[in-house]
Amino acid sequence: MKKFNTSTERLDKLREIVSALRDPESGCPWDIEQTFSSIAPYAIEEAYEVFDAVSKENWANLENELGDLLLQTVYQSQIASEKGLFDLNSVISKVSQKMVDRHPHVFEESSPDRTIDEQMIEWESIKEKERSIEPDSGALSGIALALPALTRSFKIQKRASRVGFDWKSISPVYDKILEEIEELKNASVSGTEVEVREELGDLLFSVVNLSRHLSIEPEDALRRANLKFIKRFDYIEKAASKKHQALKSLSETQWEGQWEEAKKNEKG
């Protein structure tokens, strides 16, 4: 069997494998049936698994997950090629050119040196120019619907801020959160389910706005809060198990006491 030594050869081999899987006569029945829409959720799943491997610093697993993510790019490109839309070569060419265009300070001799902050400003400026030639070129266009809601909200608000829709200080942001809490309280007492859901959404949107003003990614903040909760809950669960207590049998006072003990254990 031929050995593939270069990255190009290996990528070509992967493309050939996917093409064979999709062959209408000799391919895999499952692969033949796949479409852009049916395969797209796997790309999201694989991206999360890449993130998970990085978070756990599991580098062996990261190698596998990056391969799975690459497969999704090859797979979608193969479907597009079959439809005469584009192919893997054009995908690679476009992303390569995009990286060159967005880094003139690296690839153009005449471009001056920049700080990281200056480069981020230029990066956004270049992206704005790219979006301006798209059919839908509004300030909030192109923000992926499939993003987690917190992340999408964060991006929406950053875009709006760049064109001037923003508070100049953080104080009104806190006031807005308090306002939304009161509106949610009122809705929960006398409003409909639809109204309660709407007010809760407004509150979450305002909290994301606060995270933006604090320069904290809301998805990361909530992810850390989730991990902290799990750690403390596990502590309580193990403590109850040692005492042969069922968690459901714990009183509210016991839950609160155990929770405080779990918090002290973290610091200790």
C-alpha atoms as a PDB file:
ATOM      1  CA  MET A   1       0.000   0.000   0.000  1.00  0.00           C
ATOM      2  CA  LYS A   2       1.290   3.426  -0.917  1.00  0.00           C
ATOM      3  CA  LYS A   3       2.635   5.526   1.965  1.00  0.00           C
ATOM      4  CA  PHE A   4       1.486   9.135   2.099  1.00  0.00           C
ATOM      5  CA  ASN A   5       4.216  11.398   3.402  1.00  0.00           C
ATOM      6  CA  THR A   6       3.167  14.982   2.759  1.00  0.00           C
ATOM      7  CA  SER A   7       0.183  16.847   4.174  1.00  0.00           C
ATOM      8  CA  THR A   8      -1.102  17.409   0.648  1.00  0.00           C
ATOM      9  CA  GLU A   9      -0.972  13.702  -0.163  1.00  0.00           C
ATOM     10  CA  ARG A  10      -2.726  12.810   3.063  1.00  0.00           C
ATOM     11  CA  LEU A  11      -5.423  15.415   2.479  1.00  0.00           C
ATOM     12  CA  ASP A  12      -5.931  14.093  -1.049  1.00  0.00           C
ATOM     13  CA  LYS A  13      -6.259  10.576   0.358  1.00  0.00           C
ATOM     14  CA  LEU A  14      -8.905  11.724   2.847  1.00  0.00           C
ATOM     15  CA  ARG A  15     -10.791  13.425   0.029  1.00  0.00           C
ATOM     16  CA  GLU A  16     -10.642  10.199  -2.009  1.00  0.00           C
ATOM     17  CA  ILE A  17     -11.988   8.217   0.949  1.00  0.00           C
ATOM     18  CA  VAL A  18     -14.941  10.571   1.391  1.00  0.00           C
ATOM     19  CA  SER A  19     -15.607  10.511  -2.355  1.00  0.00           C
ATOM     20  CA  ALA A  20     -15.631   6.703  -2.283  1.00  0.00           C
ATOM     21  CA  LEU A  21     -18.017   6.686   0.674  1.00  0.00           C
ATOM     22  CA  ARG A  22     -20.355   8.959  -1.306  1.00  0.00           C
ATOM     23  CA  ASP A  23     -20.193   6.953  -4.553  1.00  0.00           C
ATOM     24  CA  PRO A  24     -23.831   6.330  -5.616  1.00  0.00           C
ATOM     25  CA  GLU A  25     -23.113   2.765  -6.730  1.00  0.00           C
ATOM     26  CA  SER A  26     -20.411   1.412  -4.427  1.00  0.00           C
ATOM     27  CA  GLY A  27     -20.455   3.772  -1.451  1.00  0.00           C
ATOM     28  CA  CYS A  28     -21.855   3.462   2.047  1.00  0.00           C
ATOM     29  CA  PRO A  29     -25.687   3.748   2.141  1.00  0.00           C
ATOM     30  CA  TRP A  30     -25.558   6.111   5.141  1.00  0.00           C
ATOM     31  CA  ASP A  31     -22.950   8.394   3.564  1.00  0.00           C
ATOM     32  CA  ILE A  32     -24.767   8.500   0.221  1.00  0.00           C
ATOM     33  CA  GLU A  33     -27.909   9.831   1.910  1.00  0.00           C
ATOM     34  CA  GLN A  34     -26.193  12.692   3.749  1.00  0.00           C
ATOM     35  CA  THR A  35     -26.870  16.309   2.803  1.00  0.00           C
ATOM     36  CA  PHE A  36     -25.497  19.715   3.856  1.00  0.00           C
ATOM     37  CA  SER A  37     -28.209  19.970   6.492  1.00  0.00           C
ATOM     38  CA  SER A  38     -27.994  16.437   7.859  1.00  0.00           C
ATOM     39  CA  ILE A  39     -24.221  16.518   8.319  1.00  0.00           C
ATOM     40  CA  ALA A  40     -23.927  20.105   9.615  1.00  0.00           C
ATOM     41  CA  PRO A  41     -24.759  19.296  13.281  1.00  0.00           C
ATOM     42  CA  TYR A  42     -21.744  16.974  13.402  1.00  0.00           C
ATOM     43  CA  ALA A  43     -19.436  19.916  12.677  1.00  0.00           C
ATOM     44  CA  ILE A  44     -20.806  21.723  15.740  1.00  0.00           C
ATOM     45  CA  GLU A  45     -20.410  18.597  17.850  1.00  0.00           C
ATOM     46  CA  GLU A  46     -16.833  18.052  16.695  1.00  0.00           C
ATOM     47  CA  ALA A  47     -15.924  21.695  17.360  1.00  0.00           C
ATOM     48  CA  TYR A  48     -17.162  21.321  20.942  1.00  0.00           C
ATOM     49  CA  GLU A  49     -15.153  18.124  21.352  1.00  0.00           C
ATOM     50  CA  VAL A  50     -12.035  19.988  20.175  1.00  0.00           C
ATOM     51  CA  PHE A  51     -12.738  22.652  22.792  1.00  0.00           C
ATOM     52  CA  ASP A  52     -13.269  19.981  25.447  1.00  0.00           C
ATOM     53  CA  ALA A  53      -9.931  18.311  24.642  1.00  0.00           C
ATOM     54  CA  VAL A  54      -8.127  21.668  24.868  1.00  0.00           C
ATOM     55  CA  SER A  55      -9.846  22.498  28.172  1.00  0.00           C
ATOM     56  CA  LYS A  56      -8.716  19.167  29.626  1.00  0.00           C
ATOM     57  CA  GLU A  57      -5.258  19.502  28.033  1.00  0.00           C
ATOM     58  CA  ASN A  58      -5.775  16.043  26.568  1.00  0.00           C
ATOM     59  CA  TRP A  59      -3.428  16.442  23.624  1.00  0.00           C
ATOM     60  CA  ALA A  60      -3.768  12.877  22.336  1.00  0.00           C
ATOM     61  CA  ASN A  61      -7.523  13.307  22.212  1.00  0.00           C
ATOM     62  CA  LEU A  62      -7.117  16.742  20.631  1.00  0.00           C
ATOM     63  CA  GLU A  63      -5.276  15.136  17.726  1.00  0.00           C
ATOM     64  CA  ASN A  64      -8.225  12.782  17.163  1.00  0.00           C
ATOM     65  CA  GLU A  65     -10.832  15.514  17.511  1.00  0.00           C
ATOM     66  CA  LEU A  66      -9.034  17.824  15.092  1.00  0.00           C
ATOM     67  CA  GLY A  67      -9.070  14.969  12.599  1.00  0.00           C
ATOM     68  CA  ASP A  68     -12.819  14.558  13.072  1.00  0.00           C
ATOM     69  CA  LEU A  69     -13.314  18.301  12.581  1.00  0.00           C
ATOM     70  CA  LEU A  70     -11.181  18.237   9.414  1.00  0.00           C
ATOM     71  CA  LEU A  71     -13.334  15.380   8.140  1.00  0.00           C
ATOM     72  CA  GLN A  72     -16.406  17.624   8.409  1.00  0.00           C
ATOM     73  CA  THR A  73     -14.744  20.241   6.186  1.00  0.00           C
ATOM     74  CA  VAL A  74     -13.786  17.615   3.615  1.00  0.00           C
ATOM     75  CA  TYR A  75     -17.243  16.049   3.764  1.00  0.00           C
ATOM     76  CA  GLN A  76     -19.152  19.304   3.224  1.00  0.00           C
ATOM     77  CA  SER A  77     -16.741  20.231   0.417  1.00  0.00           C
ATOM     78  CA  GLN A  78     -17.364  16.860  -1.249  1.00  0.00           C
ATOM     79  CA  ILE A  79     -21.132  17.399  -1.213  1.00  0.00           C
ATOM     80  CA  ALA A  80     -20.600  20.888  -2.682  1.00  0.00           C
ATOM     81  CA  SER A  81     -18.314  19.468  -5.368  1.00  0.00           C
ATOM     82  CA  GLU A  82     -20.963  16.941  -6.384  1.00  0.00           C
ATOM     83  CA  LYS A  83     -23.438  19.797  -6.798  1.00  0.00           C
ATOM     84  CA  GLY A  84     -20.971  21.913  -8.783  1.00  0.00           C
ATOM     85  CA  LEU A  85     -20.893  24.657  -6.133  1.00  0.00           C
ATOM     86  CA  PHE A  86     -17.254  24.583  -4.989  1.00  0.00           C
ATOM     87  CA  ASP A  87     -14.653  22.057  -3.884  1.00  0.00           C
ATOM     88  CA  LEU A  88     -12.001  21.549  -1.215  1.00  0.00           C
ATOM     89  CA  ASN A  89      -9.341  23.304  -3.288  1.00  0.00           C
ATOM     90  CA  SER A  90     -11.414  26.478  -3.523  1.00  0.00           C
ATOM     91  CA  VAL A  91     -12.198  26.305   0.212  1.00  0.00           C
ATOM     92  CA  ILE A  92      -8.491  26.143   1.017  1.00  0.00           C
ATOM     93  CA  SER A  93      -7.656  28.900  -1.480  1.00  0.00           C
ATOM     94  CA  LYS A  94     -10.291  31.257  -0.095  1.00  0.00           C
ATOM     95  CA  VAL A  95      -9.337  30.820   3.550  1.00  0.00           C
ATOM     96  CA  SER A  96      -5.651  31.209   2.651  1.00  0.00           C
ATOM     97  CA  GLN A  97      -6.322  34.451   0.807  1.00  0.00           C
ATOM     98  CA  LYS A  98      -8.523  35.671   3.657  1.00  0.00           C
ATOM     99  CA  MET A  99      -5.701  35.181   6.160  1.00  0.00           C
ATOM    100  CA  VAL A 100      -3.275  37.061   3.926  1.00  0.00           C
ATOM    101  CA  ASP A 101      -5.747  39.915   3.367  1.00  0.00           C
ATOM    102  CA  ARG A 102      -6.466  40.224   7.089  1.00  0.00           C
ATOM    103  CA  HIS A 103      -2.777  40.329   8.065  1.00  0.00           C
ATOM    104  CA  PRO A 104      -1.201  43.006   5.866  1.00  0.00           C
ATOM    105  CA  HIS A 105       1.287  43.763   8.664  1.00  0.00           C
ATOM    106  CA  VAL A 106       2.703  40.249   8.143  1.00  0.00           C
ATOM    107  CA  PHE A 107       2.426  39.769   4.397  1.00  0.00           C
ATOM    108  CA  GLU A 108       2.973  43.309   3.048  1.00  0.00           C
ATOM    109  CA  GLU A 109       6.411  44.854   3.401  1.00  0.00           C
ATOM    110  CA  SER A 110       5.024  48.387   3.377  1.00  0.00           C
ATOM    111  CA  SER A 111       2.637  47.700   6.275  1.00  0.00           C
ATOM    112  CA  PRO A 112       3.807  49.196   9.629  1.00  0.00           C
ATOM    113  CA  ASP A 113       4.282  47.257  12.840  1.00  0.00           C
ATOM    114  CA  ARG A 114       1.240  47.180  15.106  1.00  0.00           C
ATOM    115  CA  THR A 115       0.406  46.382  18.701  1.00  0.00           C
ATOM    116  CA  ILE A 116      -2.111  43.629  19.418  1.00  0.00           C
ATOM    117  CA  ASP A 117      -4.810  46.240  20.133  1.00  0.00           C
ATOM    118  CA  GLU A 118      -4.065  48.092  16.882  1.00  0.00           C
ATOM    119  CA  GLN A 119      -4.173  44.828  14.984  1.00  0.00           C
ATOM    120  CA  MET A 120      -7.558  43.911  16.482  1.00  0.00           C
ATOM    121  CA  ILE A 121      -8.938  47.284  15.355  1.00  0.00           C
ATOM    122  CA  GLU A 122      -7.604  46.750  11.839  1.00  0.00           C
ATOM    123  CA  TRP A 123      -8.919  43.157  11.821  1.00  0.00           C
ATOM    124  CA  GLU A 124     -12.435  44.392  12.580  1.00  0.00           C
ATOM    125  CA  SER A 125     -12.111  47.142   9.994  1.00  0.00           C
ATOM    126  CA  ILE A 126     -11.139  44.627   7.315  1.00  0.00           C
ATOM    127  CA  LYS A 127     -14.019  42.337   8.295  1.00  0.00           C
ATOM    128  CA  GLU A 128     -16.427  45.292   8.088  1.00  0.00           C
ATOM    129  CA  LYS A 129     -15.251  45.986   4.527  1.00  0.00           C
ATOM    130  CA  GLU A 130     -15.726  42.314   3.635  1.00  0.00           C
ATOM    131  CA  ARG A 131     -19.260  42.347   5.034  1.00  0.00           C
ATOM    132  CA  SER A 132     -20.120  45.581   3.230  1.00  0.00           C
ATOM    133  CA  ILE A 133     -19.944  43.876  -0.177  1.00  0.00           C
ATOM    134  CA  GLU A 134     -22.241  41.038   0.879  1.00  0.00           C
ATOM    135  CA  PRO A 135     -25.912  41.129  -0.250  1.00  0.00           C
ATOM    136  CA  ASP A 136     -27.010  41.441   3.389  1.00  0.00           C
ATOM    137  CA  SER A 137     -24.511  43.975   4.684  1.00  0.00           C
ATOM    138  CA  GLY A 138     -26.267  45.278   7.803  1.00  0.00           C
ATOM    139  CA  ALA A 139     -24.287  45.921  10.969  1.00  0.00           C
ATOM    140  CA  LEU A 140     -25.688  42.760  12.574  1.00  0.00           C
ATOM    141  CA  SER A 141     -25.600  40.512   9.517  1.00  0.00           C
ATOM    142  CA  GLY A 142     -23.562  37.324   9.309  1.00  0.00           C
ATOM    143  CA  ILE A 143     -23.719  36.363  12.999  1.00  0.00           C
ATOM    144  CA  ALA A 144     -24.333  32.623  12.884  1.00  0.00           C
ATOM    145  CA  LEU A 145     -27.729  31.455  14.137  1.00  0.00           C
ATOM    146  CA  ALA A 146     -26.230  28.187  15.369  1.00  0.00           C
ATOM    147  CA  LEU A 147     -23.951  29.892  17.899  1.00  0.00           C
ATOM    148  CA  PRO A 148     -24.779  29.314  21.582  1.00  0.00           C
ATOM    149  CA  ALA A 149     -27.269  32.020  22.569  1.00  0.00           C
ATOM    150  CA  LEU A 150     -24.899  33.675  25.068  1.00  0.00           C
ATOM    151  CA  THR A 151     -22.100  33.884  22.504  1.00  0.00           C
ATOM    152  CA  ARG A 152     -24.430  35.160  19.787  1.00  0.00           C
ATOM    153  CA  SER A 153     -25.843  37.790  22.126  1.00  0.00           C
ATOM    154  CA  PHE A 154     -22.299  38.895  22.990  1.00  0.00           C
ATOM    155  CA  LYS A 155     -21.402  39.243  19.303  1.00  0.00           C
ATOM    156  CA  ILE A 156     -24.623  41.084  18.486  1.00  0.00           C
ATOM    157  CA  GLN A 157     -23.967  43.628  21.221  1.00  0.00           C
ATOM    158  CA  LYS A 158     -20.312  44.098  20.187  1.00  0.00           C
ATOM    159  CA  ARG A 159     -21.416  44.825  16.617  1.00  0.00           C
ATOM    160  CA  ALA A 160     -24.075  47.284  17.805  1.00  0.00           C
ATOM    161  CA  SER A 161     -21.521  48.996  20.047  1.00  0.00           C
ATOM    162  CA  ARG A 162     -19.117  49.541  17.149  1.00  0.00           C
ATOM    163  CA  VAL A 163     -21.696  51.704  15.372  1.00  0.00           C
ATOM    164  CA  GLY A 164     -22.483  53.728  18.508  1.00  0.00           C
ATOM    165  CA  PHE A 165     -25.368  51.823  20.140  1.00  0.00           C
ATOM    166  CA  ASP A 166     -23.972  51.528  23.659  1.00  0.00           C
ATOM    167  CA  TRP A 167     -23.763  53.125  27.070  1.00  0.00           C
ATOM    168  CA  LYS A 168     -20.651  55.170  27.742  1.00  0.00           C
ATOM    169  CA  SER A 169     -20.227  53.829  31.290  1.00  0.00           C
ATOM    170  CA  ILE A 170     -21.059  50.652  33.167  1.00  0.00           C
ATOM    171  CA  SER A 171     -23.415  52.216  35.732  1.00  0.00           C
ATOM    172  CA  PRO A 172     -26.525  52.233  33.470  1.00  0.00           C
ATOM    173  CA  VAL A 173     -25.828  48.583  32.645  1.00  0.00           C
ATOM    174  CA  TYR A 174     -26.282  47.606  36.296  1.00  0.00           C
ATOM    175  CA  ASP A 175     -29.421  49.767  36.453  1.00  0.00           C
ATOM    176  CA  LYS A 176     -30.813  48.003  33.384  1.00  0.00           C
ATOM    177  CA  ILE A 177     -30.312  44.593  35.004  1.00  0.00           C
ATOM    178  CA  LEU A 178     -32.201  45.733  38.126  1.00  0.00           C
ATOM    179  CA  GLU A 179     -34.961  47.090  35.892  1.00  0.00           C
ATOM    180  CA  GLU A 180     -35.241  43.781  34.029  1.00  0.00           C
ATOM    181  CA  ILE A 181     -35.364  41.835  37.312  1.00  0.00           C
ATOM    182  CA  GLU A 182     -38.336  43.936  38.459  1.00  0.00           C
ATOM    183  CA  GLU A 183     -40.092  43.435  35.126  1.00  0.00           C
ATOM    184  CA  LEU A 184     -39.523  39.683  35.387  1.00  0.00           C
ATOM    185  CA  LYS A 185     -40.902  39.645  38.935  1.00  0.00           C
ATOM    186  CA  ASN A 186     -44.033  41.469  37.805  1.00  0.00           C
ATOM    187  CA  ALA A 187     -44.499  39.199  34.811  1.00  0.00           C
ATOM    188  CA  SER A 188     -44.099  36.076  36.960  1.00  0.00           C
ATOM    189  CA  VAL A 189     -46.915  37.307  39.222  1.00  0.00           C
ATOM    190  CA  SER A 190     -49.452  38.562  36.702  1.00  0.00           C
ATOM    191  CA  GLY A 191     -48.090  37.866  33.234  1.00  0.00           C
ATOM    192  CA  THR A 192     -48.518  35.027  30.771  1.00  0.00           C
ATOM    193  CA  GLU A 193     -45.947  32.320  30.110  1.00  0.00           C
ATOM    194  CA  VAL A 194     -44.966  34.146  26.923  1.00  0.00           C
ATOM    195  CA  GLU A 195     -44.421  37.390  28.845  1.00  0.00           C
ATOM    196  CA  VAL A 196     -42.350  35.662  31.526  1.00  0.00           C
ATOM    197  CA  ARG A 197     -40.171  34.041  28.873  1.00  0.00           C
ATOM    198  CA  GLU A 198     -39.702  37.385  27.130  1.00  0.00           C
ATOM    199  CA  GLU A 199     -38.716  39.168  30.349  1.00  0.00           C
ATOM    200  CA  LEU A 200     -36.305  36.388  31.282  1.00  0.00           C
ATOM    201  CA  GLY A 201     -34.710  36.712  27.851  1.00  0.00           C
ATOM    202  CA  ASP A 202     -34.355  40.460  28.348  1.00  0.00           C
ATOM    203  CA  LEU A 203     -32.666  39.869  31.717  1.00  0.00           C
ATOM    204  CA  LEU A 204     -30.207  37.374  30.228  1.00  0.00           C
ATOM    205  CA  PHE A 205     -29.473  39.776  27.369  1.00  0.00           C
ATOM    206  CA  SER A 206     -28.736  42.525  29.904  1.00  0.00           C
ATOM    207  CA  VAL A 207     -26.414  40.242  31.884  1.00  0.00           C
ATOM    208  CA  VAL A 208     -24.517  39.487  28.662  1.00  0.00           C
ATOM    209  CA  ASN A 209     -24.226  43.247  28.135  1.00  0.00           C
ATOM    210  CA  LEU A 210     -22.683  43.548  31.602  1.00  0.00           C
ATOM    211  CA  SER A 211     -20.177  40.816  30.784  1.00  0.00           C
ATOM    212  CA  ARG A 212     -19.219  42.717  27.626  1.00  0.00           C
ATOM    213  CA  HIS A 213     -18.624  45.916  29.593  1.00  0.00           C
ATOM    214  CA  LEU A 214     -16.502  43.900  32.019  1.00  0.00           C
ATOM    215  CA  SER A 215     -14.576  42.371  29.066  1.00  0.00           C
ATOM    216  CA  ILE A 216     -15.552  38.857  30.157  1.00  0.00           C
ATOM    217  CA  GLU A 217     -16.838  36.250  27.721  1.00  0.00           C
ATOM    218  CA  PRO A 218     -20.257  35.213  29.113  1.00  0.00           C
ATOM    219  CA  GLU A 219     -19.958  31.655  27.788  1.00  0.00           C
ATOM    220  CA  ASP A 220     -16.645  31.231  29.611  1.00  0.00           C
ATOM    221  CA  ALA A 221     -18.021  32.762  32.816  1.00  0.00           C
ATOM    222  CA  LEU A 222     -21.030  30.440  32.807  1.00  0.00           C
ATOM    223  CA  ARG A 223     -18.871  27.438  31.923  1.00  0.00           C
ATOM    224  CA  ARG A 224     -16.693  28.140  34.972  1.00  0.00           C
ATOM    225  CA  ALA A 225     -19.789  28.574  37.141  1.00  0.00           C
ATOM    226  CA  ASN A 226     -21.066  25.195  35.921  1.00  0.00           C
ATOM    227  CA  LEU A 227     -17.799  23.505  36.846  1.00  0.00           C
ATOM    228  CA  LYS A 228     -17.781  25.183  40.252  1.00  0.00           C
ATOM    229  CA  PHE A 229     -21.341  24.050  40.933  1.00  0.00           C
ATOM    230  CA  ILE A 230     -20.546  20.460  39.933  1.00  0.00           C
ATOM    231  CA  LYS A 231     -17.476  20.408  42.189  1.00  0.00           C
ATOM    232  CA  ARG A 232     -19.424  21.677  45.198  1.00  0.00           C
ATOM    233  CA  PHE A 233     -22.371  19.382  44.522  1.00  0.00           C
ATOM    234  CA  ASP A 234     -20.032  16.376  44.262  1.00  0.00           C
ATOM    235  CA  TYR A 235     -18.567  17.316  47.647  1.00  0.00           C
ATOM    236  CA  ILE A 236     -22.046  17.338  49.230  1.00  0.00           C
ATOM    237  CA  GLU A 237     -22.970  14.067  47.513  1.00  0.00           C
ATOM    238  CA  LYS A 238     -19.857  12.311  48.805  1.00  0.00           C
ATOM    239  CA  ALA A 239     -20.335  13.738  52.303  1.00  0.00           C
ATOM    240  CA  ALA A 240     -23.932  12.477  52.367  1.00  0.00           C
ATOM    241  CA  SER A 241     -22.852   9.067  51.096  1.00  0.00           C
ATOM    242  CA  LYS A 242     -20.335   8.700  53.934  1.00  0.00           C
ATOM    243  CA  LYS A 243     -23.141   9.380  56.415  1.00  0.00           C
ATOM    244  CA  HIS A 244     -25.489   7.001  54.526  1.00  0.00           C
ATOM    245  CA  GLN A 245     -27.847   9.892  53.805  1.00  0.00           C
ATOM    246  CA  ALA A 246     -30.018  10.161  50.719  1.00  0.00           C
ATOM    247  CA  LEU A 247     -29.716  13.547  49.071  1.00  0.00           C
ATOM    248  CA  LYS A 248     -33.502  13.876  48.909  1.00  0.00           C
ATOM    249  CA  SER A 249     -33.670  13.474  52.682  1.00  0.00           C
ATOM    250  CA  LEU A 250     -31.559  16.584  53.338  1.00  0.00           C
ATOM    251  CA  SER A 251     -33.403  19.598  54.659  1.00  0.00           C
ATOM    252  CA  GLU A 252     -32.959  23.072  53.226  1.00  0.00           C
ATOM    253  CA  THR A 253     -30.833  23.969  56.241  1.00  0.00           C
ATOM    254  CA  GLN A 254     -28.630  20.904  55.713  1.00  0.00           C
ATOM    255  CA  TRP A 255     -28.209  21.724  52.019  1.00  0.00           C
ATOM    256  CA  GLU A 256     -27.145  25.275  52.880  1.00  0.00           C
ATOM    257  CA  GLY A 257     -24.759  24.070  55.596  1.00  0.00           C
ATOM    258  CA  GLN A 258     -23.172  21.489  53.316  1.00  0.00           C
ATOM    259  CA  TRP A 259     -22.890  24.078  50.537  1.00  0.00           C
ATOM    260  CA  GLU A 260     -21.008  26.458  52.801  1.00  0.00           C
ATOM    261  CA  GLU A 261     -18.756  23.593  53.880  1.00  0.00           C
ATOM    262  CA  ALA A 262     -18.051  22.774  50.237  1.00  0.00           C
ATOM    263  CA  LYS A 263     -17.085  26.412  49.615  1.00  0.00           C
ATOM    264  CA  LYS A 264     -14.722  26.383  52.598  1.00  0.00           C
ATOM    265  CA  ASN A 265     -13.200  23.128  51.333  1.00  0.00           C
ATOM    266  CA  GLU A 266     -12.311  24.851  48.044  1.00  0.00           C
ATOM    267  CA  LYS A 267     -10.358  27.538  49.877  1.00  0.00           C
ATOM    268  CA  GLY A 268      -8.717  25.020  52.175  1.00  0.00           C
END
